[in-house]
Amino acid sequence: MALDAHLSELAEKHRALDRKIDEEQGRPTADAFRIAELKRRKLRLKDEMERLKHCEPH
C-alpha cells in the first residue's frame, strides 16, 4: 500500500505542475525558462512513476 500512496502523491504533484505550466503559458509575458524548468520537473516525476510501476510486484 505504501507504493500506491507514493504513486498517488507523485501523480498529484504531476497534475499540479501541469496546472502551473498552463498558468505560466497563459500569461502575456510567459517566462520560457520557468516553463522549461516546470516541464523538466514534470518529466522527472513521470519517469519516477514509471520506474516505480515497473518495480511493483504483480
PDB file of N, CA and C in Angstrom:
ATOM      1  N   MET A   1       0.801  -1.210   0.000  1.00  0.00           N
ATOM      2  CA  MET A   1       0.000   0.000   0.000  1.00  0.00           C
ATOM      3  C   MET A   1       0.842   1.272   0.000  1.00  0.00           C
ATOM      4  N   ALA A   2       2.008   1.224   0.599  1.00  0.00           N
ATOM      5  CA  ALA A   2       2.862   2.411   0.642  1.00  0.00           C
ATOM      6  C   ALA A   2       3.243   2.848  -0.767  1.00  0.00           C
ATOM      7  N   LEU A   3       3.461   1.877  -1.654  1.00  0.00           N
ATOM      8  CA  LEU A   3       3.818   2.205  -3.031  1.00  0.00           C
ATOM      9  C   LEU A   3       2.655   2.912  -3.727  1.00  0.00           C
ATOM     10  N   ASP A   4       1.437   2.426  -3.517  1.00  0.00           N
ATOM     11  CA  ASP A   4       0.264   3.060  -4.117  1.00  0.00           C
ATOM     12  C   ASP A   4       0.100   4.497  -3.621  1.00  0.00           C
ATOM     13  N   ALA A   5       0.326   4.700  -2.342  1.00  0.00           N
ATOM     14  CA  ALA A   5       0.210   6.049  -1.773  1.00  0.00           C
ATOM     15  C   ALA A   5       1.282   6.961  -2.369  1.00  0.00           C
ATOM     16  N   HIS A   6       2.473   6.434  -2.514  1.00  0.00           N
ATOM     17  CA  HIS A   6       3.567   7.230  -3.090  1.00  0.00           C
ATOM     18  C   HIS A   6       3.262   7.577  -4.547  1.00  0.00           C
ATOM     19  N   LEU A   7       2.756   6.613  -5.303  1.00  0.00           N
ATOM     20  CA  LEU A   7       2.395   6.862  -6.703  1.00  0.00           C
ATOM     21  C   LEU A   7       1.283   7.910  -6.799  1.00  0.00           C
ATOM     22  N   SER A   8       0.318   7.842  -5.895  1.00  0.00           N
ATOM     23  CA  SER A   8      -0.767   8.830  -5.885  1.00  0.00           C
ATOM     24  C   SER A   8      -0.230  10.223  -5.593  1.00  0.00           C
ATOM     25  N   GLU A   9       0.703  10.299  -4.660  1.00  0.00           N
ATOM     26  CA  GLU A   9       1.306  11.589  -4.312  1.00  0.00           C
ATOM     27  C   GLU A   9       2.081  12.156  -5.505  1.00  0.00           C
ATOM     28  N   LEU A  10       2.837  11.298  -6.180  1.00  0.00           N
ATOM     29  CA  LEU A  10       3.587  11.742  -7.352  1.00  0.00           C
ATOM     30  C   LEU A  10       2.645  12.185  -8.467  1.00  0.00           C
ATOM     31  N   ALA A  11       1.546  11.456  -8.657  1.00  0.00           N
ATOM     32  CA  ALA A  11       0.573  11.812  -9.693  1.00  0.00           C
ATOM     33  C   ALA A  11      -0.046  13.181  -9.397  1.00  0.00           C
ATOM     34  N   GLU A  12      -0.321  13.464  -8.124  1.00  0.00           N
ATOM     35  CA  GLU A  12      -0.888  14.767  -7.764  1.00  0.00           C
ATOM     36  C   GLU A  12       0.127  15.880  -8.014  1.00  0.00           C
ATOM     37  N   LYS A  13       1.388  15.638  -7.693  1.00  0.00           N
ATOM     38  CA  LYS A  13       2.424  16.639  -7.968  1.00  0.00           C
ATOM     39  C   LYS A  13       2.542  16.869  -9.474  1.00  0.00           C
ATOM     40  N   HIS A  14       2.409  15.807 -10.258  1.00  0.00           N
ATOM     41  CA  HIS A  14       2.467  15.894 -11.717  1.00  0.00           C
ATOM     42  C   HIS A  14       1.329  16.780 -12.232  1.00  0.00           C
ATOM     43  N   ARG A  15       0.118  16.562 -11.702  1.00  0.00           N
ATOM     44  CA  ARG A  15      -1.039  17.388 -12.111  1.00  0.00           C
ATOM     45  C   ARG A  15      -0.851  18.844 -11.694  1.00  0.00           C
ATOM     46  N   ALA A  16      -0.284  19.055 -10.510  1.00  0.00           N
ATOM     47  CA  ALA A  16      -0.055  20.424 -10.035  1.00  0.00           C
ATOM     48  C   ALA A  16       0.932  21.154 -10.952  1.00  0.00           C
ATOM     49  N   LEU A  17       1.975  20.448 -11.381  1.00  0.00           N
ATOM     50  CA  LEU A  17       2.927  21.064 -12.308  1.00  0.00           C
ATOM     51  C   LEU A  17       2.263  21.367 -13.639  1.00  0.00           C
ATOM     52  N   ASP A  18       1.378  20.493 -14.072  1.00  0.00           N
ATOM     53  CA  ASP A  18       0.632  20.724 -15.309  1.00  0.00           C
ATOM     54  C   ASP A  18      -0.175  22.018 -15.212  1.00  0.00           C
ATOM     55  N   ARG A  19      -0.820  22.219 -14.067  1.00  0.00           N
ATOM     56  CA  ARG A  19      -1.599  23.453 -13.863  1.00  0.00           C
ATOM     57  C   ARG A  19      -0.687  24.680 -13.860  1.00  0.00           C
ATOM     58  N   LYS A  20       0.472  24.568 -13.206  1.00  0.00           N
ATOM     59  CA  LYS A  20       1.412  25.697 -13.169  1.00  0.00           C
ATOM     60  C   LYS A  20       1.914  26.037 -14.571  1.00  0.00           C
ATOM     61  N   ILE A  21       2.176  25.007 -15.364  1.00  0.00           N
ATOM     62  CA  ILE A  21       2.627  25.229 -16.742  1.00  0.00           C
ATOM     63  C   ILE A  21       1.542  25.953 -17.533  1.00  0.00           C
ATOM     64  N   ASP A  22       0.307  25.491 -17.398  1.00  0.00           N
ATOM     65  CA  ASP A  22      -0.811  26.135 -18.089  1.00  0.00           C
ATOM     66  C   ASP A  22      -0.957  27.596 -17.663  1.00  0.00           C
ATOM     67  N   GLU A  23      -0.826  27.851 -16.358  1.00  0.00           N
ATOM     68  CA  GLU A  23      -0.935  29.217 -15.852  1.00  0.00           C
ATOM     69  C   GLU A  23       0.162  30.098 -16.447  1.00  0.00           C
ATOM     70  N   GLU A  24       1.379  29.595 -16.428  1.00  0.00           N
ATOM     71  CA  GLU A  24       2.515  30.374 -16.932  1.00  0.00           C
ATOM     72  C   GLU A  24       2.366  30.642 -18.430  1.00  0.00           C
ATOM     73  N   GLN A  25       1.933  29.641 -19.180  1.00  0.00           N
ATOM     74  CA  GLN A  25       1.769  29.811 -20.625  1.00  0.00           C
ATOM     75  C   GLN A  25       0.628  30.771 -20.949  1.00  0.00           C
ATOM     76  N   GLY A  26      -0.304  30.928 -20.037  1.00  0.00           N
ATOM     77  CA  GLY A  26      -1.429  31.829 -20.255  1.00  0.00           C
ATOM     78  C   GLY A  26      -1.115  33.288 -19.986  1.00  0.00           C
ATOM     79  N   ARG A  27       0.029  33.550 -19.417  1.00  0.00           N
ATOM     80  CA  ARG A  27       0.414  34.935 -19.121  1.00  0.00           C
ATOM     81  C   ARG A  27       0.933  35.619 -20.385  1.00  0.00           C
ATOM     82  N   PRO A  28       0.643  36.897 -20.519  1.00  0.00           N
ATOM     83  CA  PRO A  28       1.142  37.633 -21.692  1.00  0.00           C
ATOM     84  C   PRO A  28       2.674  37.680 -21.737  1.00  0.00           C
ATOM     85  N   THR A  29       3.307  37.672 -20.567  1.00  0.00           N
ATOM     86  CA  THR A  29       4.768  37.708 -20.519  1.00  0.00           C
ATOM     87  C   THR A  29       5.294  36.385 -19.946  1.00  0.00           C
ATOM     88  N   ALA A  30       4.901  35.289 -20.556  1.00  0.00           N
ATOM     89  CA  ALA A  30       5.292  33.969 -20.074  1.00  0.00           C
ATOM     90  C   ALA A  30       6.810  33.839 -20.047  1.00  0.00           C
ATOM     91  N   ASP A  31       7.320  33.261 -18.982  1.00  0.00           N
ATOM     92  CA  ASP A  31       8.752  33.056 -18.800  1.00  0.00           C
ATOM     93  C   ASP A  31       9.129  31.691 -19.370  1.00  0.00           C
ATOM     94  N   ALA A  32       9.792  31.688 -20.509  1.00  0.00           N
ATOM     95  CA  ALA A  32      10.139  30.438 -21.194  1.00  0.00           C
ATOM     96  C   ALA A  32      11.060  29.571 -20.344  1.00  0.00           C
ATOM     97  N   PHE A  33      11.949  30.192 -19.581  1.00  0.00           N
ATOM     98  CA  PHE A  33      12.861  29.417 -18.742  1.00  0.00           C
ATOM     99  C   PHE A  33      12.104  28.734 -17.604  1.00  0.00           C
ATOM    100  N   ARG A  34      11.135  29.441 -17.022  1.00  0.00           N
ATOM    101  CA  ARG A  34      10.320  28.851 -15.947  1.00  0.00           C
ATOM    102  C   ARG A  34       9.487  27.701 -16.506  1.00  0.00           C
ATOM    103  N   ILE A  35       8.912  27.888 -17.677  1.00  0.00           N
ATOM    104  CA  ILE A  35       8.115  26.832 -18.299  1.00  0.00           C
ATOM    105  C   ILE A  35       8.982  25.608 -18.563  1.00  0.00           C
ATOM    106  N   ALA A  36      10.176  25.817 -19.069  1.00  0.00           N
ATOM    107  CA  ALA A  36      11.083  24.701 -19.353  1.00  0.00           C
ATOM    108  C   ALA A  36      11.443  23.960 -18.064  1.00  0.00           C
ATOM    109  N   GLU A  37      11.707  24.692 -16.986  1.00  0.00           N
ATOM    110  CA  GLU A  37      12.040  24.056 -15.709  1.00  0.00           C
ATOM    111  C   GLU A  37      10.852  23.262 -15.176  1.00  0.00           C
ATOM    112  N   LEU A  38       9.665  23.819 -15.265  1.00  0.00           N
ATOM    113  CA  LEU A  38       8.461  23.099 -14.812  1.00  0.00           C
ATOM    114  C   LEU A  38       8.263  21.822 -15.624  1.00  0.00           C
ATOM    115  N   LYS A  39       8.498  21.908 -16.918  1.00  0.00           N
ATOM    116  CA  LYS A  39       8.350  20.732 -17.774  1.00  0.00           C
ATOM    117  C   LYS A  39       9.392  19.665 -17.427  1.00  0.00           C
ATOM    118  N   ARG A  40      10.611  20.094 -17.107  1.00  0.00           N
ATOM    119  CA  ARG A  40      11.651  19.136 -16.699  1.00  0.00           C
ATOM    120  C   ARG A  40      11.257  18.439 -15.403  1.00  0.00           C
ATOM    121  N   ARG A  41      10.742  19.213 -14.452  1.00  0.00           N
ATOM    122  CA  ARG A  41      10.302  18.623 -13.180  1.00  0.00           C
ATOM    123  C   ARG A  41       9.154  17.640 -13.408  1.00  0.00           C
ATOM    124  N   LYS A  42       8.238  18.011 -14.286  1.00  0.00           N
ATOM    125  CA  LYS A  42       7.108  17.138 -14.604  1.00  0.00           C
ATOM    126  C   LYS A  42       7.593  15.838 -15.241  1.00  0.00           C
ATOM    127  N   LEU A  43       8.560  15.927 -16.132  1.00  0.00           N
ATOM    128  CA  LEU A  43       9.103  14.739 -16.785  1.00  0.00           C
ATOM    129  C   LEU A  43       9.826  13.841 -15.779  1.00  0.00           C
ATOM    130  N   ARG A  44      10.570  14.447 -14.843  1.00  0.00           N
ATOM    131  CA  ARG A  44      11.244  13.645 -13.823  1.00  0.00           C
ATOM    132  C   ARG A  44      10.227  12.878 -12.978  1.00  0.00           C
ATOM    133  N   LEU A  45       9.109  13.535 -12.642  1.00  0.00           N
ATOM    134  CA  LEU A  45       8.060  12.857 -11.879  1.00  0.00           C
ATOM    135  C   LEU A  45       7.476  11.698 -12.674  1.00  0.00           C
ATOM    136  N   LYS A  46       7.225  11.937 -13.945  1.00  0.00           N
ATOM    137  CA  LYS A  46       6.665  10.885 -14.800  1.00  0.00           C
ATOM    138  C   LYS A  46       7.618   9.699 -14.881  1.00  0.00           C
ATOM    139  N   ASP A  47       8.902   9.989 -15.062  1.00  0.00           N
ATOM    140  CA  ASP A  47       9.903   8.925 -15.128  1.00  0.00           C
ATOM    141  C   ASP A  47       9.943   8.128 -13.828  1.00  0.00           C
ATOM    142  N   GLU A  48       9.876   8.824 -12.698  1.00  0.00           N
ATOM    143  CA  GLU A  48       9.887   8.137 -11.408  1.00  0.00           C
ATOM    144  C   GLU A  48       8.644   7.265 -11.247  1.00  0.00           C
ATOM    145  N   MET A  49       7.489   7.781 -11.658  1.00  0.00           N
ATOM    146  CA  MET A  49       6.255   6.985 -11.559  1.00  0.00           C
ATOM    147  C   MET A  49       6.358   5.731 -12.408  1.00  0.00           C
ATOM    148  N   GLU A  50       6.874   5.856 -13.612  1.00  0.00           N
ATOM    149  CA  GLU A  50       7.016   4.698 -14.493  1.00  0.00           C
ATOM    150  C   GLU A  50       7.994   3.684 -13.907  1.00  0.00           C
ATOM    151  N   ARG A  51       9.085   4.171 -13.355  1.00  0.00           N
ATOM    152  CA  ARG A  51      10.075   3.285 -12.747  1.00  0.00           C
ATOM    153  C   ARG A  51       9.447   2.506 -11.586  1.00  0.00           C
ATOM    154  N   LEU A  52       8.694   3.198 -10.755  1.00  0.00           N
ATOM    155  CA  LEU A  52       8.057   2.548  -9.609  1.00  0.00           C
ATOM    156  C   LEU A  52       6.992   1.548 -10.053  1.00  0.00           C
ATOM    157  N   LYS A  53       6.263   1.877 -11.102  1.00  0.00           N
ATOM    158  CA  LYS A  53       5.238   0.953 -11.594  1.00  0.00           C
ATOM    159  C   LYS A  53       5.866  -0.339 -12.106  1.00  0.00           C
ATOM    160  N   HIS A  54       7.037  -0.238 -12.697  1.00  0.00           N
ATOM    161  CA  HIS A  54       7.694  -1.437 -13.232  1.00  0.00           C
ATOM    162  C   HIS A  54       8.361  -2.259 -12.139  1.00  0.00           C
ATOM    163  N   CYS A  55       8.646  -1.630 -11.011  1.00  0.00           N
ATOM    164  CA  CYS A  55       9.243  -2.353  -9.894  1.00  0.00           C
ATOM    165  C   CYS A  55       8.190  -3.024  -9.027  1.00  0.00           C
ATOM    166  N   GLU A  56       6.940  -2.620  -9.218  1.00  0.00           N
ATOM    167  CA  GLU A  56       5.837  -3.130  -8.404  1.00  0.00           C
ATOM    168  C   GLU A  56       5.624  -4.623  -8.680  1.00  0.00           C
ATOM    169  N   PRO A  57       5.548  -5.457  -7.636  1.00  0.00           N
ATOM    170  CA  PRO A  57       5.285  -6.888  -7.850  1.00  0.00           C
ATOM    171  C   PRO A  57       3.878  -7.113  -8.360  1.00  0.00           C
ATOM    172  N   HIS A  58       3.743  -8.022  -9.299  1.00  0.00           N
ATOM    173  CA  HIS A  58       2.436  -8.302  -9.909  1.00  0.00           C
ATOM    174  C   HIS A  58       1.799  -9.499  -9.291  1.00  0.00           C
TER     175      HIS A  58
END
